[in-house]
Amino acid sequence: MNTKQDDREKPYSRASAPRSVPGFPGLRADASGWIYTKRDGQRLRPRIVGGVLCVDISTPTQRNKPWIPVAILVARAFVARPRPFYRHRQVIHLDGDIRNCRSANLAWMRAKRTHAR
């Protein structure tokens, strides 16, 4: 058997291994856009909330915002934020499809100004 062919057939690789999500200690994300719990490794089921693909992360301390966008979690884990960090707050989908939350499809963008001069 050809070992190169066997490597291509594997469903997971190191590049897509789940990583911890900074700011969310109980969650892990992989490069293909799936979110997992750290405790038992269970994959969280995404849902569209307000036109955005989200996962439920309700905890007793976060009752007001139990849903968090999948794109933000994946971007925090895999996409490097350009400096200065405080200006790059929004995550955009490069292909425009909100359901495609793969790390290669996400990028940080500067937040638009909301106040008038």
N, C-alpha and C. Protein backbone atom coordinates (compact mmCIF):
# COMPACT_ATOMS: atom_id res chain seq x y z
N MET A 1 0.82 -1.20 0.00
CA MET A 1 0.00 0.00 0.00
C MET A 1 0.86 1.25 0.00
N ASN A 2 0.33 2.26 -0.61
CA ASN A 2 1.02 3.54 -0.65
C ASN A 2 0.66 4.32 0.61
N THR A 3 1.66 4.73 1.39
CA THR A 3 1.39 5.42 2.65
C THR A 3 0.85 6.82 2.43
N LYS A 4 1.23 7.47 1.33
CA LYS A 4 0.70 8.80 1.06
C LYS A 4 -0.79 8.76 0.80
N GLN A 5 -1.24 7.73 0.11
CA GLN A 5 -2.66 7.59 -0.16
C GLN A 5 -3.42 7.31 1.15
N ASP A 6 -2.85 6.52 2.04
CA ASP A 6 -3.50 6.23 3.31
C ASP A 6 -3.65 7.49 4.16
N ASP A 7 -2.65 8.38 4.12
CA ASP A 7 -2.71 9.62 4.89
C ASP A 7 -3.83 10.53 4.40
N ARG A 8 -4.08 10.54 3.09
CA ARG A 8 -5.13 11.40 2.55
C ARG A 8 -6.52 10.90 2.94
N GLU A 9 -6.66 9.62 3.19
CA GLU A 9 -7.96 9.05 3.51
C GLU A 9 -8.36 9.27 4.96
N LYS A 10 -7.43 9.68 5.82
CA LYS A 10 -7.76 9.90 7.21
C LYS A 10 -8.67 11.12 7.34
N PRO A 11 -9.74 11.01 8.13
CA PRO A 11 -10.68 12.13 8.23
C PRO A 11 -10.14 13.31 9.02
N TYR A 12 -9.23 13.09 9.95
CA TYR A 12 -8.71 14.17 10.79
C TYR A 12 -7.20 14.26 10.63
N SER A 13 -6.70 15.46 10.77
CA SER A 13 -5.26 15.65 10.76
C SER A 13 -4.89 16.56 11.92
N ARG A 14 -3.63 16.75 12.15
CA ARG A 14 -3.20 17.62 13.25
C ARG A 14 -3.66 19.05 13.04
N ALA A 15 -3.72 19.49 11.80
CA ALA A 15 -4.13 20.86 11.52
C ALA A 15 -5.57 21.12 11.96
N SER A 16 -6.41 20.09 11.92
CA SER A 16 -7.80 20.29 12.31
C SER A 16 -8.10 19.77 13.71
N ALA A 17 -7.08 19.42 14.47
CA ALA A 17 -7.30 18.96 15.84
C ALA A 17 -7.91 20.08 16.66
N PRO A 18 -8.86 19.77 17.52
CA PRO A 18 -9.50 20.82 18.31
C PRO A 18 -8.51 21.59 19.18
N ARG A 19 -8.71 22.90 19.22
CA ARG A 19 -7.89 23.79 20.05
C ARG A 19 -8.78 24.47 21.08
N SER A 20 -8.17 24.87 22.18
CA SER A 20 -8.90 25.64 23.19
C SER A 20 -9.27 27.00 22.63
N VAL A 21 -10.41 27.50 23.04
CA VAL A 21 -10.88 28.80 22.59
C VAL A 21 -10.54 29.83 23.67
N PRO A 22 -9.65 30.80 23.38
CA PRO A 22 -9.32 31.81 24.38
C PRO A 22 -10.56 32.59 24.81
N GLY A 23 -10.72 32.74 26.12
CA GLY A 23 -11.87 33.45 26.66
C GLY A 23 -13.05 32.55 26.98
N PHE A 24 -13.01 31.30 26.53
CA PHE A 24 -14.07 30.34 26.78
C PHE A 24 -13.42 29.04 27.27
N PRO A 25 -13.14 28.96 28.57
CA PRO A 25 -12.35 27.84 29.09
C PRO A 25 -12.96 26.46 28.92
N GLY A 26 -14.25 26.33 28.74
CA GLY A 26 -14.87 25.02 28.62
C GLY A 26 -15.07 24.54 27.20
N LEU A 27 -14.57 25.31 26.20
CA LEU A 27 -14.84 24.96 24.80
C LEU A 27 -13.57 24.72 24.01
N ARG A 28 -13.70 23.89 22.98
CA ARG A 28 -12.64 23.64 22.00
C ARG A 28 -13.26 23.78 20.62
N ALA A 29 -12.47 24.23 19.65
CA ALA A 29 -12.93 24.39 18.27
C ALA A 29 -11.96 23.68 17.35
N ASP A 30 -12.47 23.17 16.22
CA ASP A 30 -11.55 22.61 15.22
C ASP A 30 -11.63 23.46 13.96
N ALA A 31 -10.69 23.24 13.06
CA ALA A 31 -10.56 24.08 11.87
C ALA A 31 -11.73 23.93 10.90
N SER A 32 -12.49 22.86 11.01
CA SER A 32 -13.61 22.67 10.12
C SER A 32 -14.88 23.37 10.61
N GLY A 33 -14.82 24.04 11.77
CA GLY A 33 -15.94 24.83 12.24
C GLY A 33 -16.82 24.16 13.28
N TRP A 34 -16.38 23.07 13.87
CA TRP A 34 -17.16 22.40 14.91
C TRP A 34 -16.68 22.84 16.28
N ILE A 35 -17.61 22.93 17.23
CA ILE A 35 -17.31 23.33 18.60
C ILE A 35 -17.58 22.13 19.51
N TYR A 36 -16.65 21.87 20.45
CA TYR A 36 -16.75 20.75 21.36
C TYR A 36 -16.63 21.23 22.80
N THR A 37 -17.18 20.45 23.73
CA THR A 37 -16.98 20.73 25.15
C THR A 37 -15.69 20.06 25.58
N LYS A 38 -14.97 20.70 26.51
CA LYS A 38 -13.73 20.11 26.99
C LYS A 38 -13.98 18.95 27.94
N ARG A 39 -15.04 19.05 28.69
CA ARG A 39 -15.29 18.06 29.73
C ARG A 39 -15.48 16.66 29.17
N ASP A 40 -16.38 16.52 28.20
CA ASP A 40 -16.66 15.18 27.66
C ASP A 40 -16.41 15.06 26.16
N GLY A 41 -15.96 16.12 25.51
CA GLY A 41 -15.67 16.07 24.09
C GLY A 41 -16.88 16.02 23.19
N GLN A 42 -18.04 16.34 23.75
CA GLN A 42 -19.28 16.30 22.98
C GLN A 42 -19.34 17.48 22.00
N ARG A 43 -19.75 17.20 20.77
CA ARG A 43 -19.88 18.25 19.76
C ARG A 43 -21.18 19.00 19.99
N LEU A 44 -21.09 20.34 20.05
CA LEU A 44 -22.27 21.16 20.26
C LEU A 44 -23.02 21.33 18.94
N ARG A 45 -24.33 21.30 19.02
CA ARG A 45 -25.17 21.42 17.83
C ARG A 45 -25.39 22.90 17.51
N PRO A 46 -25.00 23.36 16.33
CA PRO A 46 -25.22 24.77 15.97
C PRO A 46 -26.67 25.04 15.58
N ARG A 47 -27.06 26.29 15.74
CA ARG A 47 -28.41 26.73 15.39
C ARG A 47 -28.31 28.15 14.84
N ILE A 48 -29.19 28.49 13.92
CA ILE A 48 -29.20 29.84 13.38
C ILE A 48 -30.04 30.72 14.29
N VAL A 49 -29.40 31.74 14.86
CA VAL A 49 -30.07 32.69 15.76
C VAL A 49 -29.85 34.08 15.20
N GLY A 50 -30.92 34.73 14.79
CA GLY A 50 -30.80 36.08 14.24
C GLY A 50 -29.99 36.13 12.95
N GLY A 51 -30.03 35.06 12.17
CA GLY A 51 -29.30 35.03 10.90
C GLY A 51 -27.84 34.63 11.02
N VAL A 52 -27.41 34.22 12.23
CA VAL A 52 -26.01 33.86 12.47
C VAL A 52 -25.96 32.45 13.04
N LEU A 53 -24.99 31.65 12.60
CA LEU A 53 -24.81 30.29 13.10
C LEU A 53 -24.20 30.37 14.50
N CYS A 54 -24.91 29.84 15.51
CA CYS A 54 -24.50 29.96 16.91
C CYS A 54 -24.56 28.61 17.61
N VAL A 55 -23.88 28.53 18.77
CA VAL A 55 -23.99 27.38 19.66
C VAL A 55 -24.42 27.88 21.03
N ASP A 56 -25.10 27.01 21.77
CA ASP A 56 -25.59 27.35 23.10
C ASP A 56 -24.48 27.08 24.12
N ILE A 57 -24.10 28.10 24.85
CA ILE A 57 -23.08 27.95 25.88
C ILE A 57 -23.62 28.43 27.22
N SER A 58 -24.90 28.25 27.45
CA SER A 58 -25.52 28.78 28.66
C SER A 58 -24.88 28.18 29.90
N THR A 59 -24.53 29.06 30.80
CA THR A 59 -23.98 28.71 32.10
C THR A 59 -24.69 29.58 33.13
N PRO A 60 -24.59 29.26 34.40
CA PRO A 60 -25.25 30.10 35.39
C PRO A 60 -24.74 31.54 35.40
N THR A 61 -23.50 31.78 35.00
CA THR A 61 -22.97 33.14 35.01
C THR A 61 -23.28 33.91 33.74
N GLN A 62 -23.76 33.25 32.71
CA GLN A 62 -24.01 33.90 31.43
C GLN A 62 -25.45 33.70 30.99
N ARG A 63 -26.38 34.15 31.79
CA ARG A 63 -27.79 33.93 31.48
C ARG A 63 -28.31 34.87 30.42
N ASN A 64 -27.72 36.05 30.27
CA ASN A 64 -28.22 37.03 29.32
C ASN A 64 -27.83 36.71 27.88
N LYS A 65 -26.68 36.08 27.65
CA LYS A 65 -26.21 35.77 26.30
C LYS A 65 -25.80 34.30 26.22
N PRO A 66 -26.77 33.41 26.15
CA PRO A 66 -26.40 32.00 26.10
C PRO A 66 -25.90 31.54 24.74
N TRP A 67 -26.15 32.30 23.66
CA TRP A 67 -25.73 31.90 22.32
C TRP A 67 -24.52 32.70 21.90
N ILE A 68 -23.53 32.04 21.31
CA ILE A 68 -22.32 32.71 20.81
C ILE A 68 -22.11 32.26 19.37
N PRO A 69 -21.75 33.18 18.46
CA PRO A 69 -21.52 32.78 17.06
C PRO A 69 -20.35 31.80 16.93
N VAL A 70 -20.55 30.79 16.12
CA VAL A 70 -19.52 29.78 15.86
C VAL A 70 -18.30 30.44 15.21
N ALA A 71 -18.53 31.41 14.33
CA ALA A 71 -17.43 32.06 13.62
C ALA A 71 -16.47 32.74 14.60
N ILE A 72 -16.99 33.35 15.65
CA ILE A 72 -16.13 34.02 16.63
C ILE A 72 -15.29 33.00 17.39
N LEU A 73 -15.89 31.89 17.78
CA LEU A 73 -15.15 30.86 18.51
C LEU A 73 -14.04 30.26 17.65
N VAL A 74 -14.35 29.94 16.40
CA VAL A 74 -13.34 29.35 15.50
C VAL A 74 -12.24 30.38 15.20
N ALA A 75 -12.61 31.63 14.98
CA ALA A 75 -11.62 32.67 14.69
C ALA A 75 -10.71 32.91 15.89
N ARG A 76 -11.25 32.89 17.09
CA ARG A 76 -10.41 33.07 18.28
C ARG A 76 -9.40 31.94 18.42
N ALA A 77 -9.78 30.73 18.03
CA ALA A 77 -8.90 29.58 18.18
C ALA A 77 -7.87 29.46 17.05
N PHE A 78 -8.22 29.87 15.81
CA PHE A 78 -7.36 29.57 14.67
C PHE A 78 -6.85 30.78 13.88
N VAL A 79 -7.58 31.88 13.86
CA VAL A 79 -7.21 33.01 13.00
C VAL A 79 -6.47 34.05 13.82
N ALA A 80 -5.27 34.40 13.37
CA ALA A 80 -4.47 35.39 14.09
C ALA A 80 -5.11 36.77 13.95
N ARG A 81 -5.17 37.49 15.07
CA ARG A 81 -5.75 38.83 15.05
C ARG A 81 -4.66 39.85 14.77
N PRO A 82 -4.87 40.72 13.77
CA PRO A 82 -3.88 41.76 13.51
C PRO A 82 -3.86 42.77 14.64
N ARG A 83 -2.75 43.41 14.82
CA ARG A 83 -2.65 44.45 15.85
C ARG A 83 -3.11 45.77 15.30
N PRO A 84 -3.63 46.66 16.05
CA PRO A 84 -4.02 46.56 17.45
C PRO A 84 -5.29 45.73 17.59
N PHE A 85 -5.31 44.89 18.62
CA PHE A 85 -6.41 43.95 18.82
C PHE A 85 -7.75 44.63 19.03
N TYR A 86 -7.76 45.75 19.75
CA TYR A 86 -9.04 46.36 20.10
C TYR A 86 -9.80 46.88 18.88
N ARG A 87 -9.12 47.11 17.78
CA ARG A 87 -9.79 47.60 16.57
C ARG A 87 -10.39 46.48 15.73
N HIS A 88 -9.83 45.30 15.82
CA HIS A 88 -10.29 44.17 15.01
C HIS A 88 -11.23 43.32 15.85
N ARG A 89 -12.52 43.67 15.82
CA ARG A 89 -13.50 43.02 16.67
C ARG A 89 -14.48 42.15 15.90
N GLN A 90 -14.64 42.38 14.63
CA GLN A 90 -15.64 41.64 13.86
C GLN A 90 -14.99 40.54 13.04
N VAL A 91 -15.73 39.45 12.90
CA VAL A 91 -15.28 38.33 12.07
C VAL A 91 -16.13 38.33 10.81
N ILE A 92 -15.46 38.23 9.65
CA ILE A 92 -16.19 38.17 8.38
C ILE A 92 -15.96 36.81 7.73
N HIS A 93 -16.91 36.41 6.91
CA HIS A 93 -16.81 35.18 6.13
C HIS A 93 -16.33 35.60 4.74
N LEU A 94 -15.21 35.10 4.31
CA LEU A 94 -14.60 35.52 3.05
C LEU A 94 -15.47 35.17 1.84
N ASP A 95 -16.19 34.05 1.89
CA ASP A 95 -17.04 33.68 0.76
C ASP A 95 -18.48 34.20 0.91
N GLY A 96 -18.79 34.86 2.03
CA GLY A 96 -20.11 35.44 2.23
C GLY A 96 -21.16 34.46 2.76
N ASP A 97 -20.81 33.20 2.92
CA ASP A 97 -21.75 32.19 3.41
C ASP A 97 -21.62 32.08 4.92
N ILE A 98 -22.67 32.47 5.67
CA ILE A 98 -22.59 32.47 7.13
C ILE A 98 -22.55 31.07 7.71
N ARG A 99 -22.91 30.07 6.94
CA ARG A 99 -22.87 28.70 7.44
C ARG A 99 -21.49 28.05 7.27
N ASN A 100 -20.61 28.68 6.51
CA ASN A 100 -19.27 28.15 6.30
C ASN A 100 -18.34 28.77 7.34
N CYS A 101 -18.16 28.09 8.46
CA CYS A 101 -17.34 28.62 9.56
C CYS A 101 -15.99 27.94 9.65
N ARG A 102 -15.47 27.49 8.52
CA ARG A 102 -14.12 26.90 8.52
C ARG A 102 -13.10 27.99 8.76
N SER A 103 -12.01 27.65 9.40
CA SER A 103 -11.01 28.66 9.77
C SER A 103 -10.40 29.35 8.54
N ALA A 104 -10.29 28.65 7.43
CA ALA A 104 -9.73 29.25 6.21
C ALA A 104 -10.68 30.27 5.59
N ASN A 105 -11.94 30.26 5.99
CA ASN A 105 -12.93 31.17 5.43
C ASN A 105 -13.18 32.40 6.31
N LEU A 106 -12.50 32.49 7.45
CA LEU A 106 -12.75 33.57 8.39
C LEU A 106 -11.60 34.55 8.43
N ALA A 107 -11.92 35.81 8.71
CA ALA A 107 -10.90 36.86 8.87
C ALA A 107 -11.42 37.90 9.85
N TRP A 108 -10.50 38.52 10.59
CA TRP A 108 -10.85 39.60 11.49
C TRP A 108 -10.94 40.90 10.71
N MET A 109 -11.89 41.75 11.09
CA MET A 109 -12.09 43.02 10.42
C MET A 109 -12.23 44.11 11.47
N ARG A 110 -11.82 45.30 11.09
CA ARG A 110 -11.97 46.43 12.00
C ARG A 110 -13.44 46.73 12.22
N ALA A 111 -13.76 47.11 13.43
CA ALA A 111 -15.13 47.48 13.76
C ALA A 111 -15.45 48.84 13.12
N LYS A 112 -16.65 48.95 12.59
CA LYS A 112 -17.06 50.21 11.98
C LYS A 112 -17.43 51.21 13.06
N ARG A 113 -17.16 52.47 12.79
CA ARG A 113 -17.53 53.52 13.75
C ARG A 113 -19.03 53.71 13.72
N THR A 114 -19.60 53.82 14.89
CA THR A 114 -21.05 53.98 14.98
C THR A 114 -21.46 55.38 15.39
N HIS A 115 -20.52 56.20 15.84
CA HIS A 115 -20.89 57.55 16.28
C HIS A 115 -20.60 58.56 15.17
N ALA A 116 -21.40 59.60 15.12
CA ALA A 116 -21.22 60.64 14.10
C ALA A 116 -20.30 61.72 14.66
N ARG A 117 -19.59 62.34 13.76
CA ARG A 117 -18.68 63.42 14.19
C ARG A 117 -19.35 64.75 14.17
